[in-house]
């Protein structure tokens, strides 16, 4: 199972009723955070989730509304007596940016590990997460992310017996181990069927609509996408500052066909995003105007064979 919480839905500046955009994922005791704008740890506290188990933080880019909450979050994690390493992922220059921010958070009881993205597409496997990073089109280098939980194939008892694999090794092979036994190499593919459909969440903000977004969101369980403007006449502003309107996001979702799309990263002028949903849902019916604290519990398909 993958728990998702959209901690904040605001762009540019926090508002009394809207924190800046950040998303938390939880799976198998590991937490992953995407972006960390001002107020992120307050939003976490409000949700009742702890920052201590965060293992990975992914940054889309380094504008303040996406990273300015990091120093305070690091200090809070340190005060919670965390000692495990924290992995930080983001565009090239990440270590330099974080080092500058740490001027006000110089001492931490845990190490930081930096992974800087330089290619248009990169894939990382960290803990339970398969992370796909893909470059989008903003006025600074910016990435979208797809976070997947893979699902192994079913264990095939008949095949295991036919190959005379001792039963005491079955559990280890199911967990992905390779075993040497009596001159034979036993591998998981000898007893597992084809990989089954897992869980995927795509997250994209601060960009013009580009085809790669729909590609990585294809048939995702959830697409969380920027919908900065909904009002008439904002199209030219979206183009100028390289953001997206709700309708552009909906057209991407129509191509990708995720199970659901949540809009986020609203302009401060967009006080009631839900007012535009009738028009947006004519393009992609499974759209929601997300609010701070939106949560989903995503599970593997029960009928997947």
Protein backbone atom coordinates (compact mmCIF):
# COMPACT_ATOMS: atom_id res chain seq x y z
CA UNK A 1 0.00 0.00 0.00
CA UNK A 2 1.12 3.58 -0.72
CA UNK A 3 -0.23 6.47 1.36
CA UNK A 4 -0.20 9.87 -0.33
CA UNK A 5 -0.84 13.24 1.30
CA UNK A 6 -0.76 16.54 -0.56
CA UNK A 7 0.43 18.68 2.32
CA UNK A 8 0.02 22.02 0.56
CA UNK A 9 -1.50 23.24 -2.69
CA UNK A 10 -0.28 26.85 -2.98
CA UNK A 11 2.16 28.43 -5.39
CA UNK A 12 4.35 31.53 -4.97
CA UNK A 13 3.39 32.39 -1.38
CA UNK A 14 1.68 30.67 1.56
CA UNK A 15 -1.75 31.88 2.53
CA UNK A 16 -3.64 31.58 5.84
CA UNK A 17 -5.74 28.80 4.32
CA UNK A 18 -3.20 27.25 1.93
CA UNK A 19 0.35 25.96 2.49
CA UNK A 20 2.90 25.80 -0.30
CA UNK A 21 3.04 22.71 -2.49
CA UNK A 22 4.55 19.58 -0.97
CA UNK A 23 3.63 15.91 -1.20
CA UNK A 24 4.40 13.04 1.19
CA UNK A 25 4.39 9.35 0.28
CA UNK A 26 4.55 6.53 2.87
CA UNK A 27 5.28 2.88 2.12
CA UNK A 28 6.63 0.04 4.26
CA UNK A 29 7.75 2.39 7.04
CA UNK A 30 9.64 4.68 4.65
CA UNK A 31 8.59 8.25 3.84
CA UNK A 32 9.33 10.22 0.67
CA UNK A 33 8.74 13.96 0.35
CA UNK A 34 8.51 15.93 -2.89
CA UNK A 35 9.28 19.63 -2.43
CA UNK A 36 9.47 21.46 0.87
CA UNK A 37 8.10 24.98 0.72
CA UNK A 38 7.59 27.26 3.69
CA UNK A 39 5.12 25.71 6.13
CA UNK A 40 5.70 22.09 5.12
CA UNK A 41 6.51 20.91 8.62
CA UNK A 42 3.47 22.75 10.01
CA UNK A 43 1.34 20.92 7.44
CA UNK A 44 2.94 17.64 8.49
CA UNK A 45 2.15 18.37 12.13
CA UNK A 46 -1.44 19.24 11.22
CA UNK A 47 -1.75 15.95 9.37
CA UNK A 48 -0.30 14.03 12.32
CA UNK A 49 2.58 12.57 10.33
CA UNK A 50 6.14 12.65 11.67
CA UNK A 51 9.08 14.02 9.67
CA UNK A 52 11.51 11.65 11.39
CA UNK A 53 10.95 8.64 9.05
CA UNK A 54 11.59 10.71 5.89
CA UNK A 55 14.25 8.83 3.92
CA UNK A 56 14.12 10.76 0.64
CA UNK A 57 13.34 14.35 -0.37
CA UNK A 58 12.94 15.10 -4.08
CA UNK A 59 13.02 18.69 -5.31
CA UNK A 60 11.43 19.75 -8.58
CA UNK A 61 13.50 22.95 -8.70
CA UNK A 62 14.98 25.62 -6.44
CA UNK A 63 12.48 28.45 -6.38
CA UNK A 64 11.78 29.47 -2.80
CA UNK A 65 8.20 28.23 -2.71
CA UNK A 66 9.53 24.69 -3.26
CA UNK A 67 12.55 24.56 -0.95
CA UNK A 68 12.47 27.36 1.64
CA UNK A 69 10.99 25.07 4.31
CA UNK A 70 13.97 22.71 4.23
CA UNK A 71 16.21 24.25 6.97
CA UNK A 72 13.45 24.14 9.56
CA UNK A 73 12.47 20.61 8.57
CA UNK A 74 16.07 19.41 8.90
CA UNK A 75 16.32 20.96 12.36
CA UNK A 76 13.06 19.32 13.43
CA UNK A 77 14.31 15.95 12.18
CA UNK A 78 17.54 16.47 14.11
CA UNK A 79 15.67 17.39 17.28
CA UNK A 80 13.76 14.11 16.92
CA UNK A 81 17.12 12.34 17.40
CA UNK A 82 17.31 11.06 13.87
CA UNK A 83 20.69 9.53 12.97
CA UNK A 84 19.94 7.71 9.70
CA UNK A 85 21.21 9.29 6.44
CA UNK A 86 18.80 11.46 4.46
CA UNK A 87 18.85 11.28 0.65
CA UNK A 88 18.20 14.53 -1.24
CA UNK A 89 17.44 14.42 -4.98
CA UNK A 90 17.18 17.38 -7.34
CA UNK A 91 18.56 19.19 -10.38
CA UNK A 92 22.26 19.93 -10.70
CA UNK A 93 23.41 22.40 -8.04
CA UNK A 94 21.48 20.74 -5.22
CA UNK A 95 24.38 20.43 -2.79
CA UNK A 96 25.34 24.08 -3.30
CA UNK A 97 21.77 25.28 -2.70
CA UNK A 98 21.29 23.13 0.40
CA UNK A 99 24.67 24.16 1.81
CA UNK A 100 23.63 27.81 1.51
CA UNK A 101 20.31 27.11 3.26
CA UNK A 102 22.13 25.24 6.02
CA UNK A 103 23.82 28.43 7.13
CA UNK A 104 20.90 28.62 9.55
CA UNK A 105 20.90 24.86 10.25
CA UNK A 106 24.62 24.03 10.41
CA UNK A 107 24.65 21.10 12.85
CA UNK A 108 22.70 17.93 12.16
CA UNK A 109 23.06 14.53 13.86
CA UNK A 110 22.56 12.72 10.55
CA UNK A 111 24.42 12.80 7.22
CA UNK A 112 22.99 14.12 3.95
CA UNK A 113 23.49 12.26 0.69
CA UNK A 114 23.04 14.25 -2.51
CA UNK A 115 21.90 12.87 -5.87
CA UNK A 116 22.06 15.58 -8.55
CA UNK A 117 20.08 15.06 -11.75
CA UNK A 118 21.75 16.03 -15.01
CA UNK A 119 20.05 13.91 -17.69
CA UNK A 120 16.62 14.53 -19.25
CA UNK A 121 15.44 11.24 -17.73
CA UNK A 122 16.86 9.37 -14.75
CA UNK A 123 15.67 6.39 -12.71
CA UNK A 124 16.55 5.53 -9.11
CA UNK A 125 15.58 2.64 -6.83
CA UNK A 126 15.60 3.70 -3.17
CA UNK A 127 13.97 1.56 -0.51
CA UNK A 128 10.49 0.54 -1.69
CA UNK A 129 10.37 3.35 -4.28
CA UNK A 130 11.21 3.32 -7.97
CA UNK A 131 11.70 7.01 -8.77
CA UNK A 132 11.58 8.29 -12.35
CA UNK A 133 12.74 11.89 -12.79
CA UNK A 134 12.05 13.67 -16.06
CA UNK A 135 12.93 17.20 -17.15
CA UNK A 136 10.03 19.56 -17.86
CA UNK A 137 9.80 23.12 -19.22
CA UNK A 138 10.03 25.90 -16.62
CA UNK A 139 12.14 29.08 -16.62
CA UNK A 140 14.77 27.25 -14.52
CA UNK A 141 15.79 23.59 -14.65
CA UNK A 142 12.85 21.63 -13.28
CA UNK A 143 11.90 17.97 -13.00
CA UNK A 144 8.70 16.02 -12.61
CA UNK A 145 8.66 12.72 -10.73
CA UNK A 146 6.86 9.41 -11.00
CA UNK A 147 7.00 7.28 -7.86
CA UNK A 148 6.20 3.60 -8.31
CA UNK A 149 5.87 0.60 -6.02
CA UNK A 150 6.70 -2.52 -8.00
CA UNK A 151 4.89 -5.80 -7.54
CA UNK A 152 6.55 -9.16 -8.07
CA UNK A 153 4.89 -11.96 -10.00
CA UNK A 154 2.93 -14.67 -8.24
CA UNK A 155 4.82 -17.58 -6.74
CA UNK A 156 4.37 -20.66 -8.93
CA UNK A 157 4.33 -23.79 -6.74
CA UNK A 158 4.12 -26.10 -9.75
CA UNK A 159 7.26 -24.68 -11.32
CA UNK A 160 9.11 -24.80 -8.01
CA UNK A 161 8.26 -28.49 -7.60
CA UNK A 162 9.05 -29.35 -11.22
CA UNK A 163 12.53 -27.86 -10.79
CA UNK A 164 12.98 -29.72 -7.50
CA UNK A 165 13.63 -26.56 -5.53
CA UNK A 166 13.58 -27.35 -1.78
CA UNK A 167 10.65 -25.74 0.00
CA UNK A 168 12.94 -24.15 2.59
CA UNK A 169 14.22 -21.79 -0.15
CA UNK A 170 10.83 -20.67 -1.46
CA UNK A 171 10.39 -17.70 0.87
CA UNK A 172 13.89 -16.39 0.17
CA UNK A 173 13.40 -16.65 -3.58
CA UNK A 174 10.09 -14.80 -3.28
CA UNK A 175 11.98 -11.97 -1.57
CA UNK A 176 14.38 -11.71 -4.50
CA UNK A 177 17.38 -13.65 -3.19
CA UNK A 178 19.67 -15.73 -5.39
CA UNK A 179 20.75 -18.98 -3.70
CA UNK A 180 23.62 -21.38 -4.39
CA UNK A 181 22.63 -24.97 -3.54
CA UNK A 182 24.40 -28.22 -4.42
CA UNK A 183 26.07 -26.76 -7.48
CA UNK A 184 22.89 -25.02 -8.74
CA UNK A 185 22.08 -21.32 -8.84
CA UNK A 186 18.48 -20.74 -7.80
CA UNK A 187 17.03 -17.44 -8.95
CA UNK A 188 13.65 -15.75 -8.31
CA UNK A 189 12.62 -15.96 -11.97
CA UNK A 190 12.62 -19.76 -11.62
CA UNK A 191 9.59 -19.62 -9.30
CA UNK A 192 7.87 -16.29 -10.02
CA UNK A 193 5.43 -15.43 -12.77
CA UNK A 194 5.53 -12.18 -14.76
CA UNK A 195 5.63 -8.92 -12.80
CA UNK A 196 2.16 -7.65 -11.91
CA UNK A 197 0.82 -4.12 -12.06
CA UNK A 198 2.14 -2.06 -9.17
CA UNK A 199 1.20 1.42 -7.91
CA UNK A 200 2.28 4.67 -9.57
CA UNK A 201 1.88 8.33 -8.63
CA UNK A 202 3.04 11.06 -11.00
CA UNK A 203 3.82 14.55 -9.69
CA UNK A 204 4.44 17.55 -11.89
CA UNK A 205 4.44 21.28 -11.21
CA UNK A 206 5.93 24.53 -12.54
CA UNK A 207 6.05 23.75 -16.24
CA UNK A 208 4.42 24.28 -19.56
CA UNK A 209 2.48 21.24 -20.83
CA UNK A 210 4.99 18.93 -22.54
CA UNK A 211 4.42 15.38 -23.85
CA UNK A 212 6.80 13.76 -21.34
CA UNK A 213 4.34 14.58 -18.53
CA UNK A 214 1.59 12.49 -20.13
CA UNK A 215 4.11 9.75 -20.87
CA UNK A 216 5.10 9.28 -17.24
CA UNK A 217 1.53 9.72 -16.01
CA UNK A 218 0.15 7.10 -18.38
CA UNK A 219 -2.35 4.91 -16.53
CA UNK A 220 -1.02 6.09 -13.16
CA UNK A 221 -3.13 5.56 -10.08
CA UNK A 222 -2.86 9.28 -9.38
CA UNK A 223 -1.55 12.31 -11.27
CA UNK A 224 -0.85 15.38 -9.15
CA UNK A 225 -0.42 18.25 -11.58
CA UNK A 226 -0.08 22.00 -11.56
CA UNK A 227 -3.23 23.92 -12.35
CA UNK A 228 -2.05 27.41 -11.51
CA UNK A 229 -4.73 29.35 -13.33
CA UNK A 230 -8.41 28.73 -14.04
CA UNK A 231 -9.63 32.21 -14.85
CA UNK A 232 -10.22 33.44 -18.39
CA UNK A 233 -7.42 35.52 -19.85
CA UNK A 234 -4.58 33.85 -17.90
CA UNK A 235 -3.26 31.80 -20.82
CA UNK A 236 -0.67 34.40 -21.86
CA UNK A 237 0.58 34.76 -18.28
CA UNK A 238 0.95 30.97 -18.03
CA UNK A 239 3.02 30.96 -21.22
CA UNK A 240 5.15 33.91 -20.13
CA UNK A 241 6.07 32.44 -16.73
CA UNK A 242 6.04 28.83 -17.92
CA UNK A 243 3.21 27.51 -15.82
CA UNK A 244 0.01 25.62 -16.69
CA UNK A 245 -3.66 26.38 -16.66
CA UNK A 246 -6.13 23.85 -15.28
CA UNK A 247 -7.34 23.16 -18.81
CA UNK A 248 -3.85 22.41 -20.11
CA UNK A 249 -3.37 19.99 -17.20
CA UNK A 250 -6.70 18.33 -18.03
CA UNK A 251 -5.68 17.84 -21.65
CA UNK A 252 -2.49 16.10 -20.50
CA UNK A 253 -4.54 13.88 -18.21
CA UNK A 254 -6.90 13.07 -21.07
CA UNK A 255 -3.90 11.72 -23.00
CA UNK A 256 -2.39 9.87 -20.04
CA UNK A 257 -5.64 8.47 -18.58
CA UNK A 258 -4.62 8.18 -14.91
CA UNK A 259 -7.26 6.83 -12.56
CA UNK A 260 -7.54 10.31 -11.02
CA UNK A 261 -5.93 13.76 -11.22
CA UNK A 262 -5.49 16.25 -8.40
CA UNK A 263 -4.78 19.85 -9.34
CA UNK A 264 -2.36 21.83 -7.18
CA UNK A 265 0.06 24.80 -7.08
CA UNK A 266 -2.67 27.42 -7.34
CA UNK A 267 -1.93 31.08 -7.90
CA UNK A 268 -2.65 33.25 -4.80
CA UNK A 269 -5.33 34.97 -6.89
CA UNK A 270 -7.14 31.66 -7.37
CA UNK A 271 -9.13 31.63 -4.15
CA UNK A 272 -11.79 29.06 -5.11
CA UNK A 273 -10.33 26.48 -7.51
CA UNK A 274 -13.43 24.28 -7.29
CA UNK A 275 -15.44 26.94 -9.17
CA UNK A 276 -13.66 25.93 -12.40
CA UNK A 277 -14.13 22.18 -12.09
CA UNK A 278 -17.24 21.86 -14.27
CA UNK A 279 -15.31 23.20 -17.27
CA UNK A 280 -12.17 21.21 -16.43
CA UNK A 281 -14.10 17.94 -16.04
CA UNK A 282 -15.50 18.32 -19.55
CA UNK A 283 -11.91 17.64 -20.64
CA UNK A 284 -10.95 15.08 -17.98
CA UNK A 285 -13.85 13.93 -15.78
CA UNK A 286 -11.73 12.39 -13.01
CA UNK A 287 -10.23 15.71 -11.89
CA UNK A 288 -10.34 17.11 -8.38
CA UNK A 289 -9.41 20.58 -7.17
CA UNK A 290 -7.16 19.37 -4.36
CA UNK A 291 -7.04 21.07 -0.98
CA UNK A 292 -4.35 20.98 1.68
CA UNK A 293 -4.32 17.61 3.40
CA UNK A 294 -5.86 15.62 0.54
CA UNK A 295 -5.01 11.97 1.22
CA UNK A 296 -5.21 8.73 -0.75
CA UNK A 297 -4.52 5.14 0.28
CA UNK A 298 -3.47 3.35 -2.89
CA UNK A 299 -3.45 -0.44 -2.97
CA UNK A 300 -2.46 -3.12 -5.46
CA UNK A 301 -5.28 -4.25 -7.74
CA UNK A 302 -7.03 -7.10 -5.94
CA UNK A 303 -7.98 -8.85 -9.18
CA UNK A 304 -4.47 -8.70 -10.71
CA UNK A 305 -3.51 -12.24 -11.65
